[in-house]
Every structure is written in structure tokens, then in C-alpha cells.
Amino acid sequence: MTEEIKHKKPKTTKSSSATQVQSLSRALLLLERLAASDMGMSLTEVAGSLGLAPSTAHRLLNSLRSHDFVDVDETQGLWSIGVHAFSIGNAYLKKRDVIAQSRPFMKRLVAETGETSNLAILEQDRVVYVGQVESPQTMRMVVSLGSSSPLHASGVGKALLSVIPRSEAMALIGQTEMTAFTEHTITGYEQFEQELGKIHRQGYSLDDEEQFEGLRCIAANIYNEYGEAVAAISISGPAVRVKRERLAQLSILVMDAAREVTHAIGGKAPKA
């Protein structure tokens, strides 16, 4: 009598899937630990930091090493981040181009507000425009990329100044003449310092016809991963359209755009 033996395909169980997820989580945590270490970590340190048995940690390390995610100094027995992990991390820098990352949000601002959106950076004692999406309106603000505006009389300038140490901000202002471009331009040091405090508290700045008669600008900062302002995004338009009763609504839209660009480049707003 011949006994028939049936071979069944092994099934993927929930427990095996959970084990795979757990291994992946452990591997990612392991990479985080190594990335935070300046000198590298021994097997014992790696295992202890993750609460793993040395044999389990060693298995994970060797698996990552086979793909060049980690490396080991055989003489000292220290594990560190490998070249492939660097390559992947370096690829993320492509997302860090604040100009490219800002453009979709600038386009949205134009669609939401009907006004021109600008992007500017701090350059010594002036702000320089590095990006712009124009309003479709016939009467609109247009600046040439690479052109500059005074710190004390522009929304983007005041926004960027408001988040650096006050002594540094006022020292920069001291290098300018604080020219009165209109009757609304702030030209007094004490008044300007109070203005910076107000901007810092509310999270946005307003150029209320301070550089050009009949033109208003609302700006908010974009931050890097260190909580440093790397640029300011704004909308600018004629005062007849950017009316005072619209400022509350428009400022929220600008701050939302700045917050989303900050997130897109991996940044974070500084703690209040």
C-alpha cells in the first residue's frame, strides 16, 4: 500500500508578517541610533540602546551591512552609518530646494487671493527676491528676480528680521538709512523694534503702504530643520484689493503656505 503524502505550500501568517514589520522597525531604529553617534557604536551599545539580544542586533547589523547601509571598523569593533545610507539621505536634499518647493504653494496663494506671490531671502542689509508667481490681474505687483528691497519697509524684510536675535536685527537696521519712502514708512528705531515684536507674536508681517503708496504686502517665514528662517513668502497687491477688512483672512492663507513649505523641506517652526 502506497502512502500518499501531500505537500502544502507554506502560508504567510499574520505572525510572520508582524515579525517582518518588527524587523524593519528595528533596522530603522538601529540606523537612527548609529546616525546620532559621532564615534560609532559597539555591538553591545547597539543592542543595549534597542533592548535587543546581541545576537539579534548582530544579525540586523550584518543584514544592513550587506546593502552598505552600515559599516564596521574591524579593529575597534565600532559600527557606523554606511555609504548607501548617506546616498539615500543625500537624495533627500533635492527636496530641500526652497525655491522649487515653494512654487506650488505660491501658485495656490495666487489662486486663493488673486494677488502676486513672492519669495525672498535675507542678504546682508536687504532682502532679495528669488521667486515670484504673478497675479492674473491687470494691475499687479511685479519685481525682477534678483532685485532687492529695504529691510525696514518690506513685508518679507520685516518678517525675516522678526525671528533673529533682536540685537542682531537692530544692528542690521543700523546699517541702513531707514529711508522714508512714504508717509507710512517706519523710520524710528524704537517704533521699528516694537513692530518686530508684534510680528514675532502674530506670525506674519504687514507692509502697509510703507514702500509704495497704494501697495500692501503680507509675509510669513519659511524655516529649516534648525528652526531658522531661510526665506519669506508673501502676497502683494493694490490696497484697493488688499483691503484692511481682508487682512485677517489673507494673513492666515500666507501663514498656511509658509507652514506647508516649511514641512515640505523638512523644516520646523521655532518654539515660541
C-alpha atoms as a PDB file:
ATOM      1  CA  MET A   1       0.000   0.000   0.000  1.00  0.00           C
ATOM      2  CA  THR A   2       1.430   3.284  -1.076  1.00  0.00           C
ATOM      3  CA  GLU A   3       1.043   6.150   1.328  1.00  0.00           C
ATOM      4  CA  GLU A   4       0.167   9.426  -0.395  1.00  0.00           C
ATOM      5  CA  ILE A   5       1.946  12.407   1.001  1.00  0.00           C
ATOM      6  CA  LYS A   6       0.501  15.810   0.168  1.00  0.00           C
ATOM      7  CA  HIS A   7       2.804  18.787   0.190  1.00  0.00           C
ATOM      8  CA  LYS A   8       1.154  22.044   1.136  1.00  0.00           C
ATOM      9  CA  LYS A   9       2.540  25.483   0.341  1.00  0.00           C
ATOM     10  CA  PRO A  10       3.596  27.331   3.448  1.00  0.00           C
ATOM     11  CA  LYS A  11       1.145  30.082   4.298  1.00  0.00           C
ATOM     12  CA  THR A  12       2.113  33.580   5.248  1.00  0.00           C
ATOM     13  CA  THR A  13       0.636  34.036   8.663  1.00  0.00           C
ATOM     14  CA  LYS A  14      -0.162  37.204  10.499  1.00  0.00           C
ATOM     15  CA  SER A  15       2.584  36.397  12.965  1.00  0.00           C
ATOM     16  CA  SER A  16       5.231  36.142  10.226  1.00  0.00           C
ATOM     17  CA  SER A  17       4.083  39.448   8.728  1.00  0.00           C
ATOM     18  CA  ALA A  18       4.273  41.044  12.148  1.00  0.00           C
ATOM     19  CA  THR A  19       7.779  39.670  12.583  1.00  0.00           C
ATOM     20  CA  GLN A  20       8.857  41.230   9.282  1.00  0.00           C
ATOM     21  CA  VAL A  21       7.418  44.596  10.273  1.00  0.00           C
ATOM     22  CA  GLN A  22       9.127  44.347  13.648  1.00  0.00           C
ATOM     23  CA  SER A  23      12.466  43.583  11.974  1.00  0.00           C
ATOM     24  CA  LEU A  24      12.051  46.556   9.669  1.00  0.00           C
ATOM     25  CA  SER A  25      11.218  48.826  12.590  1.00  0.00           C
ATOM     26  CA  ARG A  26      14.244  47.596  14.490  1.00  0.00           C
ATOM     27  CA  ALA A  27      16.504  48.144  11.472  1.00  0.00           C
ATOM     28  CA  LEU A  28      15.255  51.725  11.054  1.00  0.00           C
ATOM     29  CA  LEU A  29      15.711  52.451  14.755  1.00  0.00           C
ATOM     30  CA  LEU A  30      19.179  50.969  14.548  1.00  0.00           C
ATOM     31  CA  LEU A  31      20.057  53.353  11.702  1.00  0.00           C
ATOM     32  CA  GLU A  32      18.754  56.268  13.767  1.00  0.00           C
ATOM     33  CA  ARG A  33      20.946  55.280  16.715  1.00  0.00           C
ATOM     34  CA  LEU A  34      24.043  54.980  14.529  1.00  0.00           C
ATOM     35  CA  ALA A  35      23.298  58.292  12.792  1.00  0.00           C
ATOM     36  CA  ALA A  36      23.154  60.021  16.180  1.00  0.00           C
ATOM     37  CA  SER A  37      26.532  58.618  17.216  1.00  0.00           C
ATOM     38  CA  ASP A  38      29.617  60.636  16.338  1.00  0.00           C
ATOM     39  CA  MET A  39      32.195  57.928  17.013  1.00  0.00           C
ATOM     40  CA  GLY A  40      30.266  54.794  16.111  1.00  0.00           C
ATOM     41  CA  MET A  41      28.803  52.170  18.435  1.00  0.00           C
ATOM     42  CA  SER A  42      29.910  48.761  19.628  1.00  0.00           C
ATOM     43  CA  LEU A  43      27.641  45.742  19.245  1.00  0.00           C
ATOM     44  CA  THR A  44      26.901  45.861  22.956  1.00  0.00           C
ATOM     45  CA  GLU A  45      25.917  49.536  22.760  1.00  0.00           C
ATOM     46  CA  VAL A  46      23.691  48.947  19.743  1.00  0.00           C
ATOM     47  CA  ALA A  47      21.946  46.004  21.377  1.00  0.00           C
ATOM     48  CA  GLY A  48      21.519  47.862  24.669  1.00  0.00           C
ATOM     49  CA  SER A  49      20.103  51.002  23.033  1.00  0.00           C
ATOM     50  CA  LEU A  50      17.401  48.934  21.314  1.00  0.00           C
ATOM     51  CA  GLY A  51      16.814  46.448  24.103  1.00  0.00           C
ATOM     52  CA  LEU A  52      17.850  43.528  21.900  1.00  0.00           C
ATOM     53  CA  ALA A  53      19.898  40.427  22.426  1.00  0.00           C
ATOM     54  CA  PRO A  54      23.420  40.880  20.993  1.00  0.00           C
ATOM     55  CA  SER A  55      22.787  38.026  18.537  1.00  0.00           C
ATOM     56  CA  THR A  56      19.656  39.751  17.181  1.00  0.00           C
ATOM     57  CA  ALA A  57      21.445  43.100  16.897  1.00  0.00           C
ATOM     58  CA  HIS A  58      24.371  41.411  15.139  1.00  0.00           C
ATOM     59  CA  ARG A  59      22.031  39.768  12.636  1.00  0.00           C
ATOM     60  CA  LEU A  60      20.389  43.122  11.842  1.00  0.00           C
ATOM     61  CA  LEU A  61      23.742  44.861  11.503  1.00  0.00           C
ATOM     62  CA  ASN A  62      25.086  42.245   9.115  1.00  0.00           C
ATOM     63  CA  SER A  63      21.937  42.419   7.010  1.00  0.00           C
ATOM     64  CA  LEU A  64      22.256  46.199   6.751  1.00  0.00           C
ATOM     65  CA  ARG A  65      25.965  45.889   6.099  1.00  0.00           C
ATOM     66  CA  SER A  66      25.329  43.589   3.131  1.00  0.00           C
ATOM     67  CA  HIS A  67      23.499  46.515   1.497  1.00  0.00           C
ATOM     68  CA  ASP A  68      26.102  49.112   2.600  1.00  0.00           C
ATOM     69  CA  PHE A  69      23.667  50.829   4.956  1.00  0.00           C
ATOM     70  CA  VAL A  70      26.123  50.357   7.828  1.00  0.00           C
ATOM     71  CA  ASP A  71      29.852  49.811   8.085  1.00  0.00           C
ATOM     72  CA  VAL A  72      32.131  48.396  10.776  1.00  0.00           C
ATOM     73  CA  ASP A  73      35.634  49.231  11.883  1.00  0.00           C
ATOM     74  CA  GLU A  74      37.000  45.728  12.373  1.00  0.00           C
ATOM     75  CA  THR A  75      39.923  46.903  14.505  1.00  0.00           C
ATOM     76  CA  GLN A  76      37.784  48.784  17.039  1.00  0.00           C
ATOM     77  CA  GLY A  77      34.552  46.855  16.591  1.00  0.00           C
ATOM     78  CA  LEU A  78      32.589  50.055  16.046  1.00  0.00           C
ATOM     79  CA  TRP A  79      29.562  50.207  13.745  1.00  0.00           C
ATOM     80  CA  SER A  80      28.622  53.377  11.868  1.00  0.00           C
ATOM     81  CA  ILE A  81      26.429  54.646   9.043  1.00  0.00           C
ATOM     82  CA  GLY A  82      27.404  53.269   5.626  1.00  0.00           C
ATOM     83  CA  VAL A  83      27.781  54.930   2.260  1.00  0.00           C
ATOM     84  CA  HIS A  84      24.416  53.755   0.921  1.00  0.00           C
ATOM     85  CA  ALA A  85      22.567  55.339   3.827  1.00  0.00           C
ATOM     86  CA  PHE A  86      24.421  58.558   3.018  1.00  0.00           C
ATOM     87  CA  SER A  87      23.396  58.310  -0.654  1.00  0.00           C
ATOM     88  CA  ILE A  88      19.744  57.939   0.251  1.00  0.00           C
ATOM     89  CA  GLY A  89      19.913  60.758   2.779  1.00  0.00           C
ATOM     90  CA  ASN A  90      21.707  62.952   0.272  1.00  0.00           C
ATOM     91  CA  ALA A  91      18.954  62.331  -2.284  1.00  0.00           C
ATOM     92  CA  TYR A  92      16.556  63.997   0.147  1.00  0.00           C
ATOM     93  CA  LEU A  93      18.480  67.232  -0.292  1.00  0.00           C
ATOM     94  CA  LYS A  94      16.840  67.558  -3.711  1.00  0.00           C
ATOM     95  CA  LYS A  95      13.649  68.283  -1.818  1.00  0.00           C
ATOM     96  CA  ARG A  96      15.364  70.974   0.169  1.00  0.00           C
ATOM     97  CA  ASP A  97      15.406  73.478  -2.707  1.00  0.00           C
ATOM     98  CA  VAL A  98      13.176  76.056  -1.060  1.00  0.00           C
ATOM     99  CA  ILE A  99      12.552  77.888  -4.347  1.00  0.00           C
ATOM    100  CA  ALA A 100      11.313  74.788  -6.173  1.00  0.00           C
ATOM    101  CA  GLN A 101       9.386  73.545  -3.147  1.00  0.00           C
ATOM    102  CA  SER A 102       7.698  76.915  -2.638  1.00  0.00           C
ATOM    103  CA  ARG A 103       6.377  77.329  -6.161  1.00  0.00           C
ATOM    104  CA  PRO A 104       3.269  75.092  -5.910  1.00  0.00           C
ATOM    105  CA  PHE A 105       2.221  76.880  -2.734  1.00  0.00           C
ATOM    106  CA  MET A 106       2.881  80.276  -4.303  1.00  0.00           C
ATOM    107  CA  LYS A 107       0.645  79.300  -7.214  1.00  0.00           C
ATOM    108  CA  ARG A 108      -2.042  78.282  -4.761  1.00  0.00           C
ATOM    109  CA  LEU A 109      -1.737  81.611  -2.963  1.00  0.00           C
ATOM    110  CA  VAL A 110      -2.252  83.452  -6.227  1.00  0.00           C
ATOM    111  CA  ALA A 111      -5.322  81.327  -6.976  1.00  0.00           C
ATOM    112  CA  GLU A 112      -6.727  81.869  -3.468  1.00  0.00           C
ATOM    113  CA  THR A 113      -6.012  85.590  -3.159  1.00  0.00           C
ATOM    114  CA  GLY A 114      -5.769  86.878  -6.712  1.00  0.00           C
ATOM    115  CA  GLU A 115      -2.529  88.663  -5.797  1.00  0.00           C
ATOM    116  CA  THR A 116       1.130  88.217  -6.745  1.00  0.00           C
ATOM    117  CA  SER A 117       3.160  85.878  -4.539  1.00  0.00           C
ATOM    118  CA  ASN A 118       6.850  86.485  -3.869  1.00  0.00           C
ATOM    119  CA  LEU A 119       9.693  84.574  -2.241  1.00  0.00           C
ATOM    120  CA  ALA A 120      12.635  86.445  -0.717  1.00  0.00           C
ATOM    121  CA  ILE A 121      15.784  85.756   1.287  1.00  0.00           C
ATOM    122  CA  LEU A 122      17.840  87.876   3.666  1.00  0.00           C
ATOM    123  CA  GLU A 123      21.063  89.138   2.085  1.00  0.00           C
ATOM    124  CA  GLN A 124      23.140  91.355   4.363  1.00  0.00           C
ATOM    125  CA  ASP A 125      21.114  94.529   4.940  1.00  0.00           C
ATOM    126  CA  ARG A 126      18.488  93.910   2.237  1.00  0.00           C
ATOM    127  CA  VAL A 127      16.083  91.232   1.059  1.00  0.00           C
ATOM    128  CA  VAL A 128      16.490  89.687  -2.379  1.00  0.00           C
ATOM    129  CA  TYR A 129      13.592  88.281  -4.405  1.00  0.00           C
ATOM    130  CA  VAL A 130      14.292  84.737  -5.604  1.00  0.00           C
ATOM    131  CA  GLY A 131      10.843  83.608  -6.723  1.00  0.00           C
ATOM    132  CA  GLN A 132       7.581  85.051  -7.986  1.00  0.00           C
ATOM    133  CA  VAL A 133       4.214  83.939  -9.315  1.00  0.00           C
ATOM    134  CA  GLU A 134       2.361  86.856 -10.872  1.00  0.00           C
ATOM    135  CA  SER A 135      -1.250  87.759 -10.320  1.00  0.00           C
ATOM    136  CA  PRO A 136      -3.512  87.435 -13.393  1.00  0.00           C
ATOM    137  CA  GLN A 137      -4.884  90.919 -12.623  1.00  0.00           C
ATOM    138  CA  THR A 138      -4.021  93.782 -14.952  1.00  0.00           C
ATOM    139  CA  MET A 139      -2.968  95.935 -12.009  1.00  0.00           C
ATOM    140  CA  ARG A 140      -0.446  93.855 -10.070  1.00  0.00           C
ATOM    141  CA  MET A 141       2.931  93.933  -8.364  1.00  0.00           C
ATOM    142  CA  VAL A 142       5.879  92.702 -10.423  1.00  0.00           C
ATOM    143  CA  VAL A 143       9.523  92.546  -9.314  1.00  0.00           C
ATOM    144  CA  SER A 144      12.559  91.264 -11.168  1.00  0.00           C
ATOM    145  CA  LEU A 145      14.155  88.166  -9.688  1.00  0.00           C
ATOM    146  CA  GLY A 146      17.415  89.169  -8.065  1.00  0.00           C
ATOM    147  CA  SER A 147      16.174  92.649  -7.240  1.00  0.00           C
ATOM    148  CA  SER A 148      16.112  93.782  -3.632  1.00  0.00           C
ATOM    149  CA  SER A 149      14.008  95.721  -1.162  1.00  0.00           C
ATOM    150  CA  PRO A 150      14.866  97.540   2.070  1.00  0.00           C
ATOM    151  CA  LEU A 151      14.502  95.571   5.286  1.00  0.00           C
ATOM    152  CA  HIS A 152      12.516  98.166   7.187  1.00  0.00           C
ATOM    153  CA  ALA A 153       9.918  98.883   4.507  1.00  0.00           C
ATOM    154  CA  SER A 154       9.069  95.452   3.087  1.00  0.00           C
ATOM    155  CA  GLY A 155       6.845  92.701   4.423  1.00  0.00           C
ATOM    156  CA  VAL A 156       9.399  89.993   3.670  1.00  0.00           C
ATOM    157  CA  GLY A 157      12.202  92.028   5.234  1.00  0.00           C
ATOM    158  CA  LYS A 158      10.335  92.666   8.455  1.00  0.00           C
ATOM    159  CA  ALA A 159       9.246  89.026   8.694  1.00  0.00           C
ATOM    160  CA  LEU A 160      12.815  87.741   8.358  1.00  0.00           C
ATOM    161  CA  LEU A 161      14.145  90.276  10.867  1.00  0.00           C
ATOM    162  CA  SER A 162      11.488  89.420  13.435  1.00  0.00           C
ATOM    163  CA  VAL A 163      12.896  85.955  14.208  1.00  0.00           C
ATOM    164  CA  ILE A 164      16.590  86.670  14.561  1.00  0.00           C
ATOM    165  CA  PRO A 165      18.007  87.924  17.888  1.00  0.00           C
ATOM    166  CA  ARG A 166      16.717  91.433  18.397  1.00  0.00           C
ATOM    167  CA  SER A 167      20.196  92.902  18.875  1.00  0.00           C
ATOM    168  CA  GLU A 168      21.291  91.439  15.520  1.00  0.00           C
ATOM    169  CA  ALA A 169      18.132  92.691  13.830  1.00  0.00           C
ATOM    170  CA  MET A 170      18.615  96.212  15.088  1.00  0.00           C
ATOM    171  CA  ALA A 171      22.299  96.112  14.182  1.00  0.00           C
ATOM    172  CA  LEU A 172      21.278  95.310  10.590  1.00  0.00           C
ATOM    173  CA  ILE A 173      18.771  98.139  10.623  1.00  0.00           C
ATOM    174  CA  GLY A 174      21.527 100.394  11.938  1.00  0.00           C
ATOM    175  CA  GLN A 175      23.423  99.754   8.700  1.00  0.00           C
ATOM    176  CA  THR A 176      20.532 101.206   6.688  1.00  0.00           C
ATOM    177  CA  GLU A 177      19.301 104.752   6.434  1.00  0.00           C
ATOM    178  CA  MET A 178      15.679 103.802   7.201  1.00  0.00           C
ATOM    179  CA  THR A 179      14.565 105.958   4.304  1.00  0.00           C
ATOM    180  CA  ALA A 180      11.004 107.262   4.449  1.00  0.00           C
ATOM    181  CA  PHE A 181       9.567 106.006   1.145  1.00  0.00           C
ATOM    182  CA  THR A 182       6.027 107.042   2.052  1.00  0.00           C
ATOM    183  CA  GLU A 183       4.327 108.741   4.961  1.00  0.00           C
ATOM    184  CA  HIS A 184       3.634 105.261   6.371  1.00  0.00           C
ATOM    185  CA  THR A 185       7.284 104.107   6.481  1.00  0.00           C
ATOM    186  CA  ILE A 186       8.569 103.328   9.966  1.00  0.00           C
ATOM    187  CA  THR A 187      11.748 105.335  10.460  1.00  0.00           C
ATOM    188  CA  GLY A 188      12.168 105.347  14.256  1.00  0.00           C
ATOM    189  CA  TYR A 189      14.313 102.645  15.898  1.00  0.00           C
ATOM    190  CA  GLU A 190      12.106 102.240  18.941  1.00  0.00           C
ATOM    191  CA  GLN A 191       8.926 102.018  16.870  1.00  0.00           C
ATOM    192  CA  PHE A 192      10.564  99.552  14.499  1.00  0.00           C
ATOM    193  CA  GLU A 193      11.715  97.332  17.364  1.00  0.00           C
ATOM    194  CA  GLN A 194       8.148  97.298  18.676  1.00  0.00           C
ATOM    195  CA  GLU A 195       6.960  96.370  15.189  1.00  0.00           C
ATOM    196  CA  LEU A 196       9.322  93.372  15.138  1.00  0.00           C
ATOM    197  CA  GLY A 197       7.943  92.198  18.480  1.00  0.00           C
ATOM    198  CA  LYS A 198       4.392  92.409  17.151  1.00  0.00           C
ATOM    199  CA  ILE A 199       5.318  90.442  14.010  1.00  0.00           C
ATOM    200  CA  HIS A 200       7.040  87.766  16.077  1.00  0.00           C
ATOM    201  CA  ARG A 201       3.943  87.329  18.224  1.00  0.00           C
ATOM    202  CA  GLN A 202       1.393  87.191  15.427  1.00  0.00           C
ATOM    203  CA  GLY A 203       3.445  85.128  12.960  1.00  0.00           C
ATOM    204  CA  TYR A 204       3.190  87.405   9.938  1.00  0.00           C
ATOM    205  CA  SER A 205       4.238  90.884   8.848  1.00  0.00           C
ATOM    206  CA  LEU A 206       2.408  93.635   7.026  1.00  0.00           C
ATOM    207  CA  ASP A 207       3.876  96.230   4.704  1.00  0.00           C
ATOM    208  CA  ASP A 208       1.042  98.736   4.927  1.00  0.00           C
ATOM    209  CA  GLU A 209       1.928 101.078   2.041  1.00  0.00           C
ATOM    210  CA  GLU A 210       5.352 101.553   3.627  1.00  0.00           C
ATOM    211  CA  GLN A 211       7.435 101.146   0.473  1.00  0.00           C
ATOM    212  CA  PHE A 212       4.958 102.203  -2.194  1.00  0.00           C
ATOM    213  CA  GLU A 213       1.783 104.226  -1.831  1.00  0.00           C
ATOM    214  CA  GLY A 214      -1.238 102.072  -2.550  1.00  0.00           C
ATOM    215  CA  LEU A 215       0.556  98.720  -2.155  1.00  0.00           C
ATOM    216  CA  ARG A 216       0.162  96.246   0.693  1.00  0.00           C
ATOM    217  CA  CYS A 217       2.162  93.088   1.372  1.00  0.00           C
ATOM    218  CA  ILE A 218       1.646  90.235   3.845  1.00  0.00           C
ATOM    219  CA  ALA A 219       4.577  87.883   4.553  1.00  0.00           C
ATOM    220  CA  ALA A 220       5.457  84.870   6.712  1.00  0.00           C
ATOM    221  CA  ASN A 221       8.660  82.921   7.243  1.00  0.00           C
ATOM    222  CA  ILE A 222       9.786  79.519   5.973  1.00  0.00           C
ATOM    223  CA  TYR A 223      12.061  77.592   8.360  1.00  0.00           C
ATOM    224  CA  ASN A 224      14.738  74.921   8.010  1.00  0.00           C
ATOM    225  CA  GLU A 225      15.242  71.906  10.289  1.00  0.00           C
ATOM    226  CA  TYR A 226      17.008  74.087  12.862  1.00  0.00           C
ATOM    227  CA  GLY A 227      14.071  76.468  13.177  1.00  0.00           C
ATOM    228  CA  GLU A 228      15.959  79.187  11.283  1.00  0.00           C
ATOM    229  CA  ALA A 229      14.119  81.388   8.787  1.00  0.00           C
ATOM    230  CA  VAL A 230      15.576  80.654   5.332  1.00  0.00           C
ATOM    231  CA  ALA A 231      13.071  82.651   3.270  1.00  0.00           C
ATOM    232  CA  ALA A 232       9.818  84.563   3.487  1.00  0.00           C
ATOM    233  CA  ILE A 233       6.763  84.004   1.308  1.00  0.00           C
ATOM    234  CA  SER A 234       4.320  86.817   0.646  1.00  0.00           C
ATOM    235  CA  ILE A 235       1.432  88.197  -1.320  1.00  0.00           C
ATOM    236  CA  SER A 236       1.420  91.779  -2.619  1.00  0.00           C
ATOM    237  CA  GLY A 237      -1.317  93.763  -4.241  1.00  0.00           C
ATOM    238  CA  PRO A 238      -3.044  97.131  -4.550  1.00  0.00           C
ATOM    239  CA  ALA A 239      -4.538  98.427  -1.315  1.00  0.00           C
ATOM    240  CA  VAL A 240      -7.884  98.748  -3.085  1.00  0.00           C
ATOM    241  CA  ARG A 241      -7.965  94.940  -3.323  1.00  0.00           C
ATOM    242  CA  VAL A 242      -5.867  94.015  -0.272  1.00  0.00           C
ATOM    243  CA  LYS A 243      -8.283  95.867   1.976  1.00  0.00           C
ATOM    244  CA  ARG A 244      -7.948  96.111   5.737  1.00  0.00           C
ATOM    245  CA  GLU A 245     -11.058  94.005   6.261  1.00  0.00           C
ATOM    246  CA  ARG A 246      -9.375  91.182   4.286  1.00  0.00           C
ATOM    247  CA  LEU A 247      -6.082  91.225   6.189  1.00  0.00           C
ATOM    248  CA  ALA A 248      -7.112  88.640   8.800  1.00  0.00           C
ATOM    249  CA  GLN A 249      -8.209  86.150   6.133  1.00  0.00           C
ATOM    250  CA  LEU A 250      -5.258  86.789   3.818  1.00  0.00           C
ATOM    251  CA  SER A 251      -2.689  86.532   6.613  1.00  0.00           C
ATOM    252  CA  ILE A 252      -3.976  83.053   7.504  1.00  0.00           C
ATOM    253  CA  LEU A 253      -3.550  81.922   3.889  1.00  0.00           C
ATOM    254  CA  VAL A 254       0.020  83.252   3.796  1.00  0.00           C
ATOM    255  CA  MET A 255       0.932  81.646   7.122  1.00  0.00           C
ATOM    256  CA  ASP A 256      -0.576  78.340   5.981  1.00  0.00           C
ATOM    257  CA  ALA A 257       1.537  78.425   2.810  1.00  0.00           C
ATOM    258  CA  ALA A 258       4.698  79.214   4.795  1.00  0.00           C
ATOM    259  CA  ARG A 259       3.963  76.367   7.210  1.00  0.00           C
ATOM    260  CA  GLU A 260       3.414  73.899   4.360  1.00  0.00           C
ATOM    261  CA  VAL A 261       6.638  74.868   2.573  1.00  0.00           C
ATOM    262  CA  THR A 262       8.470  74.528   5.882  1.00  0.00           C
ATOM    263  CA  HIS A 263       7.083  70.998   6.201  1.00  0.00           C
ATOM    264  CA  ALA A 264       7.936  70.177   2.570  1.00  0.00           C
ATOM    265  CA  ILE A 265      11.627  70.997   3.089  1.00  0.00           C
ATOM    266  CA  GLY A 266      11.815  69.112   6.367  1.00  0.00           C
ATOM    267  CA  GLY A 267      11.867  72.250   8.493  1.00  0.00           C
ATOM    268  CA  LYS A 268      10.175  73.226  11.713  1.00  0.00           C
ATOM    269  CA  ALA A 269       8.981  76.492  13.159  1.00  0.00           C
ATOM    270  CA  PRO A 270      10.904  77.663  16.237  1.00  0.00           C
ATOM    271  CA  LYS A 271       9.260  77.308  19.607  1.00  0.00           C
ATOM    272  CA  ALA A 272       7.510  80.437  20.770  1.00  0.00           C
END
